[in-house]
């Protein structure tokens, strides 16, 4: 077996001990000399195509975690991680210069928490739910469900057993997570709406408009309120714009109130969105 194939089977990074059972040591040395394989640190090797997070975890003999693990699994995030997220065992001493540029956490993980050098999908969702703001964590959980990487029942069950810092937040994320959210834009908008007292929103709820059924981004049936995450990309084609205008007109004529928010509103001006939603619930518009 070629060294690159062996590393690929092991997730792109591996120790010399892990590789020893698959390829001769001399073949490994030759692969390093030819640049086919990179030695990250003593006894730790990586493919040149391995992600920055995998390489960081390899150097520190840790595992990729949190947002870096979510990105590894191909989930959509509100924001990409600013630095590789890595977990190492408790009591592991890591010099400051070695952890520079890495978001390093100390935790003892079980074998079931890992898939190769990365935290498992379920562990990844829970770690994000324990440590991230609600909107970011909800975007991760929604995406994991959308990709069928975890199930809602497992997420709720495991979160219910958590204790300690962040456990209440994790349970809230688990209960609110919903695969019907199409993207992080919609997940973050729903997170804002869920913080508004009196709103009871559901993503992609079917609404009958005569013979036509539409599925707005968020619906509060009791208040006959529709909340839309309006994407410039979606409206980039004239046919989509015409169709959307007709849908809004039908909703308005059907006595539904509609609030529309752009990506910039939701991601960069959440206070504006929250104030609009507060006023939709409690009083006349003053902004």
C-alpha atoms as a PDB file:
ATOM      1  CA  UNK A   1       0.000   0.000   0.000  1.00  0.00           C
ATOM      2  CA  UNK A   2       1.244   3.506  -0.803  1.00  0.00           C
ATOM      3  CA  UNK A   3       1.826   5.884   2.097  1.00  0.00           C
ATOM      4  CA  UNK A   4      -0.646   8.419   0.701  1.00  0.00           C
ATOM      5  CA  UNK A   5      -3.334   5.748   0.477  1.00  0.00           C
ATOM      6  CA  UNK A   6      -2.632   4.647   4.057  1.00  0.00           C
ATOM      7  CA  UNK A   7      -2.854   8.221   5.310  1.00  0.00           C
ATOM      8  CA  UNK A   8      -6.067   8.721   3.368  1.00  0.00           C
ATOM      9  CA  UNK A   9      -7.598   5.686   5.042  1.00  0.00           C
ATOM     10  CA  UNK A  10      -6.596   7.097   8.432  1.00  0.00           C
ATOM     11  CA  UNK A  11      -8.273  10.467   7.769  1.00  0.00           C
ATOM     12  CA  UNK A  12      -5.352  12.408   6.267  1.00  0.00           C
ATOM     13  CA  UNK A  13      -3.207  12.508   9.425  1.00  0.00           C
ATOM     14  CA  UNK A  14      -1.656   9.755  11.527  1.00  0.00           C
ATOM     15  CA  UNK A  15       1.146   8.802  13.874  1.00  0.00           C
ATOM     16  CA  UNK A  16       4.137   6.711  12.859  1.00  0.00           C
ATOM     17  CA  UNK A  17       2.771   3.918  15.044  1.00  0.00           C
ATOM     18  CA  UNK A  18      -0.575   3.951  13.197  1.00  0.00           C
ATOM     19  CA  UNK A  19       1.195   3.889   9.841  1.00  0.00           C
ATOM     20  CA  UNK A  20       3.609   1.126  10.861  1.00  0.00           C
ATOM     21  CA  UNK A  21       0.957  -1.534  10.452  1.00  0.00           C
ATOM     22  CA  UNK A  22       0.209  -0.430   6.898  1.00  0.00           C
ATOM     23  CA  UNK A  23       3.481   0.668   5.266  1.00  0.00           C
ATOM     24  CA  UNK A  24       7.211   0.022   5.826  1.00  0.00           C
ATOM     25  CA  UNK A  25       9.122   2.788   7.592  1.00  0.00           C
ATOM     26  CA  UNK A  26      11.504   3.198   4.657  1.00  0.00           C
ATOM     27  CA  UNK A  27       8.592   3.872   2.319  1.00  0.00           C
ATOM     28  CA  UNK A  28       7.332   6.530   4.748  1.00  0.00           C
ATOM     29  CA  UNK A  29      10.745   8.240   4.793  1.00  0.00           C
ATOM     30  CA  UNK A  30      10.888   8.273   0.990  1.00  0.00           C
ATOM     31  CA  UNK A  31       7.366   9.744   0.782  1.00  0.00           C
ATOM     32  CA  UNK A  32       8.439  12.563   3.124  1.00  0.00           C
ATOM     33  CA  UNK A  33      11.562  13.277   1.040  1.00  0.00           C
ATOM     34  CA  UNK A  34       9.469  13.454  -2.143  1.00  0.00           C
ATOM     35  CA  UNK A  35       6.980  15.843  -0.520  1.00  0.00           C
ATOM     36  CA  UNK A  36       4.110  13.384  -0.852  1.00  0.00           C
ATOM     37  CA  UNK A  37       3.750  13.375   2.927  1.00  0.00           C
ATOM     38  CA  UNK A  38       4.468  16.100   5.474  1.00  0.00           C
ATOM     39  CA  UNK A  39       5.931  15.490   8.913  1.00  0.00           C
ATOM     40  CA  UNK A  40       4.018  17.849  11.183  1.00  0.00           C
ATOM     41  CA  UNK A  41       6.065  17.027  14.272  1.00  0.00           C
ATOM     42  CA  UNK A  42       8.054  14.114  15.685  1.00  0.00           C
ATOM     43  CA  UNK A  43       6.228  10.938  14.764  1.00  0.00           C
ATOM     44  CA  UNK A  44       3.173  12.678  13.266  1.00  0.00           C
ATOM     45  CA  UNK A  45       2.485  12.760   9.516  1.00  0.00           C
ATOM     46  CA  UNK A  46      -0.083  14.344   7.205  1.00  0.00           C
ATOM     47  CA  UNK A  47      -1.143  14.562   3.592  1.00  0.00           C
ATOM     48  CA  UNK A  48      -0.391  17.973   2.025  1.00  0.00           C
ATOM     49  CA  UNK A  49      -4.117  18.281   1.280  1.00  0.00           C
ATOM     50  CA  UNK A  50      -5.164  17.807   4.924  1.00  0.00           C
ATOM     51  CA  UNK A  51      -7.065  20.764   6.378  1.00  0.00           C
ATOM     52  CA  UNK A  52      -5.438  23.292   8.676  1.00  0.00           C
ATOM     53  CA  UNK A  53      -7.520  21.942  11.566  1.00  0.00           C
ATOM     54  CA  UNK A  54      -6.429  18.343  10.948  1.00  0.00           C
ATOM     55  CA  UNK A  55      -2.806  19.465  10.773  1.00  0.00           C
ATOM     56  CA  UNK A  56      -3.111  21.456  14.013  1.00  0.00           C
ATOM     57  CA  UNK A  57      -4.690  18.496  15.806  1.00  0.00           C
ATOM     58  CA  UNK A  58      -1.978  16.244  14.439  1.00  0.00           C
ATOM     59  CA  UNK A  59       0.825  18.499  15.709  1.00  0.00           C
ATOM     60  CA  UNK A  60      -0.725  18.600  19.192  1.00  0.00           C
ATOM     61  CA  UNK A  61      -1.737  14.915  19.232  1.00  0.00           C
ATOM     62  CA  UNK A  62      -5.321  16.047  19.704  1.00  0.00           C
ATOM     63  CA  UNK A  63      -8.575  15.863  17.784  1.00  0.00           C
ATOM     64  CA  UNK A  64     -10.463  18.337  15.587  1.00  0.00           C
ATOM     65  CA  UNK A  65     -13.495  19.686  17.463  1.00  0.00           C
ATOM     66  CA  UNK A  66     -16.247  22.301  17.741  1.00  0.00           C
ATOM     67  CA  UNK A  67     -16.668  24.504  14.642  1.00  0.00           C
ATOM     68  CA  UNK A  68     -13.660  22.959  12.901  1.00  0.00           C
ATOM     69  CA  UNK A  69     -15.240  19.523  13.294  1.00  0.00           C
ATOM     70  CA  UNK A  70     -18.578  20.894  12.027  1.00  0.00           C
ATOM     71  CA  UNK A  71     -16.787  22.267   8.957  1.00  0.00           C
ATOM     72  CA  UNK A  72     -15.011  18.928   8.516  1.00  0.00           C
ATOM     73  CA  UNK A  73     -18.373  17.150   8.396  1.00  0.00           C
ATOM     74  CA  UNK A  74     -19.486  19.535   5.649  1.00  0.00           C
ATOM     75  CA  UNK A  75     -22.125  21.406   7.639  1.00  0.00           C
ATOM     76  CA  UNK A  76     -23.106  25.006   6.956  1.00  0.00           C
ATOM     77  CA  UNK A  77     -22.087  27.460   9.690  1.00  0.00           C
ATOM     78  CA  UNK A  78     -23.030  31.000  10.608  1.00  0.00           C
ATOM     79  CA  UNK A  79     -19.324  31.897  10.650  1.00  0.00           C
ATOM     80  CA  UNK A  80     -16.273  29.831   9.798  1.00  0.00           C
ATOM     81  CA  UNK A  81     -13.905  29.294  12.768  1.00  0.00           C
ATOM     82  CA  UNK A  82     -11.238  31.968  13.125  1.00  0.00           C
ATOM     83  CA  UNK A  83      -8.687  29.377  14.272  1.00  0.00           C
ATOM     84  CA  UNK A  84      -8.521  25.575  14.214  1.00  0.00           C
ATOM     85  CA  UNK A  85     -10.494  24.094  17.117  1.00  0.00           C
ATOM     86  CA  UNK A  86      -8.663  21.236  18.841  1.00  0.00           C
ATOM     87  CA  UNK A  87      -9.251  19.150  21.975  1.00  0.00           C
ATOM     88  CA  UNK A  88      -6.401  17.528  23.924  1.00  0.00           C
ATOM     89  CA  UNK A  89      -6.690  15.372  27.078  1.00  0.00           C
ATOM     90  CA  UNK A  90      -6.952  17.041  30.479  1.00  0.00           C
ATOM     91  CA  UNK A  91      -3.645  17.615  32.263  1.00  0.00           C
ATOM     92  CA  UNK A  92      -1.812  17.666  28.910  1.00  0.00           C
ATOM     93  CA  UNK A  93       0.808  20.416  29.013  1.00  0.00           C
ATOM     94  CA  UNK A  94       0.996  22.345  25.757  1.00  0.00           C
ATOM     95  CA  UNK A  95       3.549  25.136  25.507  1.00  0.00           C
ATOM     96  CA  UNK A  96       2.189  28.538  24.520  1.00  0.00           C
ATOM     97  CA  UNK A  97       4.195  28.676  21.294  1.00  0.00           C
ATOM     98  CA  UNK A  98       2.778  25.316  20.161  1.00  0.00           C
ATOM     99  CA  UNK A  99      -0.835  26.348  20.747  1.00  0.00           C
ATOM    100  CA  UNK A 100      -0.434  29.783  19.162  1.00  0.00           C
ATOM    101  CA  UNK A 101      -3.124  30.265  16.524  1.00  0.00           C
ATOM    102  CA  UNK A 102      -5.179  27.307  17.795  1.00  0.00           C
ATOM    103  CA  UNK A 103      -8.457  27.385  19.733  1.00  0.00           C
ATOM    104  CA  UNK A 104      -7.365  24.711  22.203  1.00  0.00           C
ATOM    105  CA  UNK A 105      -9.656  22.962  24.707  1.00  0.00           C
ATOM    106  CA  UNK A 106      -8.805  20.381  27.362  1.00  0.00           C
ATOM    107  CA  UNK A 107     -11.196  17.461  27.801  1.00  0.00           C
ATOM    108  CA  UNK A 108     -11.094  13.696  28.188  1.00  0.00           C
ATOM    109  CA  UNK A 109     -13.053  12.083  25.383  1.00  0.00           C
ATOM    110  CA  UNK A 110     -14.371   8.558  25.128  1.00  0.00           C
ATOM    111  CA  UNK A 111     -13.746   6.297  22.154  1.00  0.00           C
ATOM    112  CA  UNK A 112     -17.372   6.752  21.090  1.00  0.00           C
ATOM    113  CA  UNK A 113     -16.829  10.519  20.882  1.00  0.00           C
ATOM    114  CA  UNK A 114     -14.370  10.140  18.008  1.00  0.00           C
ATOM    115  CA  UNK A 115     -14.371   9.249  14.350  1.00  0.00           C
ATOM    116  CA  UNK A 116     -10.685   9.039  13.532  1.00  0.00           C
ATOM    117  CA  UNK A 117      -9.008  12.375  14.365  1.00  0.00           C
ATOM    118  CA  UNK A 118     -12.320  14.285  14.574  1.00  0.00           C
ATOM    119  CA  UNK A 119     -15.088  14.437  17.172  1.00  0.00           C
ATOM    120  CA  UNK A 120     -18.135  12.426  16.108  1.00  0.00           C
ATOM    121  CA  UNK A 121     -21.120  14.274  14.614  1.00  0.00           C
ATOM    122  CA  UNK A 122     -23.145  13.969  17.838  1.00  0.00           C
ATOM    123  CA  UNK A 123     -20.217  15.056  20.034  1.00  0.00           C
ATOM    124  CA  UNK A 124     -19.549  17.962  17.661  1.00  0.00           C
ATOM    125  CA  UNK A 125     -23.134  19.270  17.863  1.00  0.00           C
ATOM    126  CA  UNK A 126     -23.126  18.980  21.657  1.00  0.00           C
ATOM    127  CA  UNK A 127     -19.748  20.711  22.025  1.00  0.00           C
ATOM    128  CA  UNK A 128     -20.971  23.607  19.888  1.00  0.00           C
ATOM    129  CA  UNK A 129     -24.258  23.760  21.832  1.00  0.00           C
ATOM    130  CA  UNK A 130     -22.363  23.842  25.137  1.00  0.00           C
ATOM    131  CA  UNK A 131     -20.005  26.660  24.192  1.00  0.00           C
ATOM    132  CA  UNK A 132     -21.341  28.812  21.347  1.00  0.00           C
ATOM    133  CA  UNK A 133     -23.987  31.554  21.325  1.00  0.00           C
ATOM    134  CA  UNK A 134     -27.479  30.158  20.748  1.00  0.00           C
ATOM    135  CA  UNK A 135     -27.780  31.327  17.133  1.00  0.00           C
ATOM    136  CA  UNK A 136     -24.427  29.855  16.062  1.00  0.00           C
ATOM    137  CA  UNK A 137     -25.091  26.583  17.864  1.00  0.00           C
ATOM    138  CA  UNK A 138     -28.578  26.319  16.366  1.00  0.00           C
ATOM    139  CA  UNK A 139     -27.156  26.766  12.856  1.00  0.00           C
ATOM    140  CA  UNK A 140     -24.758  23.870  13.524  1.00  0.00           C
ATOM    141  CA  UNK A 141     -27.494  21.621  14.940  1.00  0.00           C
ATOM    142  CA  UNK A 142     -29.937  22.414  12.122  1.00  0.00           C
ATOM    143  CA  UNK A 143     -27.292  21.616   9.520  1.00  0.00           C
ATOM    144  CA  UNK A 144     -26.312  18.346  11.227  1.00  0.00           C
ATOM    145  CA  UNK A 145     -29.968  17.272  11.153  1.00  0.00           C
ATOM    146  CA  UNK A 146     -30.359  18.456   7.560  1.00  0.00           C
ATOM    147  CA  UNK A 147     -27.381  16.283   6.555  1.00  0.00           C
ATOM    148  CA  UNK A 148     -28.809  13.359   8.562  1.00  0.00           C
ATOM    149  CA  UNK A 149     -25.532  13.198  10.510  1.00  0.00           C
ATOM    150  CA  UNK A 150     -27.466  13.004  13.802  1.00  0.00           C
ATOM    151  CA  UNK A 151     -31.079  12.374  14.758  1.00  0.00           C
ATOM    152  CA  UNK A 152     -33.237  14.734  16.741  1.00  0.00           C
ATOM    153  CA  UNK A 153     -34.092  12.006  19.250  1.00  0.00           C
ATOM    154  CA  UNK A 154     -30.431  11.231  19.958  1.00  0.00           C
ATOM    155  CA  UNK A 155     -29.599  14.904  20.280  1.00  0.00           C
ATOM    156  CA  UNK A 156     -32.404  15.555  22.780  1.00  0.00           C
ATOM    157  CA  UNK A 157     -31.681  12.364  24.724  1.00  0.00           C
ATOM    158  CA  UNK A 158     -27.965  12.988  25.165  1.00  0.00           C
ATOM    159  CA  UNK A 159     -28.403  16.713  25.867  1.00  0.00           C
ATOM    160  CA  UNK A 160     -30.933  15.884  28.606  1.00  0.00           C
ATOM    161  CA  UNK A 161     -28.242  13.950  30.469  1.00  0.00           C
ATOM    162  CA  UNK A 162     -25.699  16.780  30.425  1.00  0.00           C
ATOM    163  CA  UNK A 163     -24.759  18.647  33.589  1.00  0.00           C
ATOM    164  CA  UNK A 164     -22.547  21.591  34.395  1.00  0.00           C
ATOM    165  CA  UNK A 165     -21.734  24.820  32.549  1.00  0.00           C
ATOM    166  CA  UNK A 166     -23.580  25.232  29.279  1.00  0.00           C
ATOM    167  CA  UNK A 167     -25.857  22.220  29.762  1.00  0.00           C
ATOM    168  CA  UNK A 168     -29.062  24.287  29.869  1.00  0.00           C
ATOM    169  CA  UNK A 169     -28.027  26.021  26.636  1.00  0.00           C
ATOM    170  CA  UNK A 170     -27.266  22.670  25.017  1.00  0.00           C
ATOM    171  CA  UNK A 171     -30.713  21.337  25.946  1.00  0.00           C
ATOM    172  CA  UNK A 172     -32.320  24.435  24.458  1.00  0.00           C
ATOM    173  CA  UNK A 173     -30.423  23.966  21.194  1.00  0.00           C
ATOM    174  CA  UNK A 174     -31.341  20.272  21.059  1.00  0.00           C
ATOM    175  CA  UNK A 175     -35.047  20.983  21.562  1.00  0.00           C
ATOM    176  CA  UNK A 176     -35.081  23.834  19.016  1.00  0.00           C
ATOM    177  CA  UNK A 177     -33.013  22.138  16.284  1.00  0.00           C
ATOM    178  CA  UNK A 178     -34.942  21.507  13.076  1.00  0.00           C
ATOM    179  CA  UNK A 179     -33.798  20.010   9.785  1.00  0.00           C
ATOM    180  CA  UNK A 180     -36.331  22.093   7.828  1.00  0.00           C
ATOM    181  CA  UNK A 181     -34.206  25.235   8.115  1.00  0.00           C
ATOM    182  CA  UNK A 182     -32.642  25.605   4.671  1.00  0.00           C
ATOM    183  CA  UNK A 183     -29.412  27.355   5.674  1.00  0.00           C
ATOM    184  CA  UNK A 184     -27.645  29.239   8.514  1.00  0.00           C
ATOM    185  CA  UNK A 185     -29.362  32.485   7.459  1.00  0.00           C
ATOM    186  CA  UNK A 186     -32.745  30.959   8.302  1.00  0.00           C
ATOM    187  CA  UNK A 187     -31.397  29.259  11.444  1.00  0.00           C
ATOM    188  CA  UNK A 188     -30.044  32.526  12.836  1.00  0.00           C
ATOM    189  CA  UNK A 189     -33.300  34.348  12.035  1.00  0.00           C
ATOM    190  CA  UNK A 190     -35.214  31.627  13.901  1.00  0.00           C
ATOM    191  CA  UNK A 191     -32.843  31.902  16.861  1.00  0.00           C
ATOM    192  CA  UNK A 192     -33.634  35.618  17.110  1.00  0.00           C
ATOM    193  CA  UNK A 193     -37.376  34.937  16.853  1.00  0.00           C
ATOM    194  CA  UNK A 194     -37.216  32.277  19.563  1.00  0.00           C
ATOM    195  CA  UNK A 195     -35.843  34.911  21.948  1.00  0.00           C
ATOM    196  CA  UNK A 196     -38.918  37.117  21.447  1.00  0.00           C
ATOM    197  CA  UNK A 197     -41.539  36.500  24.105  1.00  0.00           C
ATOM    198  CA  UNK A 198     -44.934  35.704  22.608  1.00  0.00           C
ATOM    199  CA  UNK A 199     -43.705  34.394  19.257  1.00  0.00           C
ATOM    200  CA  UNK A 200     -44.208  30.733  18.374  1.00  0.00           C
ATOM    201  CA  UNK A 201     -42.457  30.225  15.039  1.00  0.00           C
ATOM    202  CA  UNK A 202     -42.069  27.106  12.943  1.00  0.00           C
ATOM    203  CA  UNK A 203     -39.702  26.792   9.948  1.00  0.00           C
ATOM    204  CA  UNK A 204     -41.096  26.000   6.495  1.00  0.00           C
ATOM    205  CA  UNK A 205     -44.667  25.541   7.781  1.00  0.00           C
ATOM    206  CA  UNK A 206     -47.139  24.917   4.967  1.00  0.00           C
ATOM    207  CA  UNK A 207     -49.711  27.689   4.507  1.00  0.00           C
ATOM    208  CA  UNK A 208     -52.753  27.105   2.268  1.00  0.00           C
ATOM    209  CA  UNK A 209     -53.661  30.049   0.030  1.00  0.00           C
ATOM    210  CA  UNK A 210     -56.714  28.863  -1.811  1.00  0.00           C
ATOM    211  CA  UNK A 211     -55.568  26.167  -4.233  1.00  0.00           C
ATOM    212  CA  UNK A 212     -51.882  26.988  -3.634  1.00  0.00           C
ATOM    213  CA  UNK A 213     -49.731  25.883  -0.679  1.00  0.00           C
ATOM    214  CA  UNK A 214     -46.625  27.905   0.205  1.00  0.00           C
ATOM    215  CA  UNK A 215     -43.882  27.332   2.762  1.00  0.00           C
ATOM    216  CA  UNK A 216     -42.525  30.585   4.188  1.00  0.00           C
ATOM    217  CA  UNK A 217     -39.234  30.554   6.078  1.00  0.00           C
ATOM    218  CA  UNK A 218     -40.899  31.100   9.480  1.00  0.00           C
ATOM    219  CA  UNK A 219     -44.572  31.032  10.398  1.00  0.00           C
ATOM    220  CA  UNK A 220     -46.418  31.931  13.593  1.00  0.00           C
ATOM    221  CA  UNK A 221     -49.826  30.444  12.826  1.00  0.00           C
ATOM    222  CA  UNK A 222     -51.572  31.912  15.862  1.00  0.00           C
ATOM    223  CA  UNK A 223     -50.516  35.452  14.996  1.00  0.00           C
ATOM    224  CA  UNK A 224     -50.852  34.915  11.237  1.00  0.00           C
ATOM    225  CA  UNK A 225     -47.310  36.227  10.941  1.00  0.00           C
ATOM    226  CA  UNK A 226     -44.807  35.236   8.253  1.00  0.00           C
ATOM    227  CA  UNK A 227     -41.113  36.039   8.691  1.00  0.00           C
ATOM    228  CA  UNK A 228     -38.901  35.736   5.635  1.00  0.00           C
ATOM    229  CA  UNK A 229     -35.121  35.546   5.225  1.00  0.00           C
ATOM    230  CA  UNK A 230     -34.784  37.318   1.883  1.00  0.00           C
ATOM    231  CA  UNK A 231     -31.728  36.234  -0.063  1.00  0.00           C
ATOM    232  CA  UNK A 232     -30.288  38.347  -2.872  1.00  0.00           C
ATOM    233  CA  UNK A 233     -29.050  35.142  -4.522  1.00  0.00           C
ATOM    234  CA  UNK A 234     -32.571  33.686  -4.593  1.00  0.00           C
ATOM    235  CA  UNK A 235     -34.024  36.818  -6.150  1.00  0.00           C
ATOM    236  CA  UNK A 236     -31.192  37.137  -8.676  1.00  0.00           C
ATOM    237  CA  UNK A 237     -33.402  35.778 -11.463  1.00  0.00           C
ATOM    238  CA  UNK A 238     -36.459  37.676 -12.647  1.00  0.00           C
ATOM    239  CA  UNK A 239     -38.673  34.591 -12.638  1.00  0.00           C
ATOM    240  CA  UNK A 240     -37.950  33.992  -8.951  1.00  0.00           C
ATOM    241  CA  UNK A 241     -38.703  37.645  -8.162  1.00  0.00           C
ATOM    242  CA  UNK A 242     -42.041  37.519  -9.995  1.00  0.00           C
ATOM    243  CA  UNK A 243     -43.017  34.297  -8.242  1.00  0.00           C
ATOM    244  CA  UNK A 244     -42.048  35.736  -4.863  1.00  0.00           C
ATOM    245  CA  UNK A 245     -44.047  38.923  -5.415  1.00  0.00           C
ATOM    246  CA  UNK A 246     -47.119  36.861  -6.245  1.00  0.00           C
ATOM    247  CA  UNK A 247     -46.648  34.779  -3.120  1.00  0.00           C
ATOM    248  CA  UNK A 248     -46.335  37.889  -0.907  1.00  0.00           C
ATOM    249  CA  UNK A 249     -49.449  39.374  -2.474  1.00  0.00           C
ATOM    250  CA  UNK A 250     -51.428  36.193  -1.835  1.00  0.00           C
ATOM    251  CA  UNK A 251     -50.289  36.105   1.799  1.00  0.00           C
ATOM    252  CA  UNK A 252     -51.183  39.773   2.311  1.00  0.00           C
ATOM    253  CA  UNK A 253     -54.600  39.376   0.689  1.00  0.00           C
ATOM    254  CA  UNK A 254     -55.104  36.311   2.895  1.00  0.00           C
ATOM    255  CA  UNK A 255     -54.715  38.547   5.962  1.00  0.00           C
ATOM    256  CA  UNK A 256     -51.172  37.453   6.819  1.00  0.00           C
ATOM    257  CA  UNK A 257     -48.612  39.961   8.085  1.00  0.00           C
ATOM    258  CA  UNK A 258     -45.185  39.621   6.504  1.00  0.00           C
ATOM    259  CA  UNK A 259     -41.810  40.760   7.826  1.00  0.00           C
ATOM    260  CA  UNK A 260     -38.821  40.504   5.499  1.00  0.00           C
ATOM    261  CA  UNK A 261     -35.170  40.626   6.571  1.00  0.00           C
ATOM    262  CA  UNK A 262     -32.005  40.629   4.505  1.00  0.00           C
ATOM    263  CA  UNK A 263     -28.823  38.692   5.284  1.00  0.00           C
ATOM    264  CA  UNK A 264     -27.254  41.940   6.524  1.00  0.00           C
ATOM    265  CA  UNK A 265     -30.165  42.508   8.915  1.00  0.00           C
ATOM    266  CA  UNK A 266     -30.001  39.013  10.383  1.00  0.00           C
ATOM    267  CA  UNK A 267     -26.256  38.492  10.555  1.00  0.00           C
ATOM    268  CA  UNK A 268     -25.042  42.031  11.239  1.00  0.00           C
ATOM    269  CA  UNK A 269     -28.005  43.882  12.797  1.00  0.00           C
ATOM    270  CA  UNK A 270     -29.805  41.317  14.992  1.00  0.00           C
ATOM    271  CA  UNK A 271     -31.002  44.051  17.395  1.00  0.00           C
ATOM    272  CA  UNK A 272     -32.972  45.652  14.555  1.00  0.00           C
ATOM    273  CA  UNK A 273     -34.563  42.287  13.718  1.00  0.00           C
ATOM    274  CA  UNK A 274     -35.399  41.634  17.372  1.00  0.00           C
ATOM    275  CA  UNK A 275     -36.962  45.091  17.782  1.00  0.00           C
ATOM    276  CA  UNK A 276     -39.134  44.560  14.708  1.00  0.00           C
ATOM    277  CA  UNK A 277     -40.303  41.205  16.026  1.00  0.00           C
ATOM    278  CA  UNK A 278     -40.923  42.639  19.502  1.00  0.00           C
ATOM    279  CA  UNK A 279     -43.121  45.325  18.016  1.00  0.00           C
ATOM    280  CA  UNK A 280     -44.951  42.832  15.825  1.00  0.00           C
ATOM    281  CA  UNK A 281     -45.960  41.112  19.056  1.00  0.00           C
ATOM    282  CA  UNK A 282     -46.526  43.989  21.426  1.00  0.00           C
ATOM    283  CA  UNK A 283     -47.251  47.272  19.729  1.00  0.00           C
ATOM    284  CA  UNK A 284     -47.154  49.721  16.807  1.00  0.00           C
ATOM    285  CA  UNK A 285     -44.034  50.357  14.778  1.00  0.00           C
ATOM    286  CA  UNK A 286     -41.851  53.201  16.103  1.00  0.00           C
ATOM    287  CA  UNK A 287     -38.505  52.545  14.394  1.00  0.00           C
END
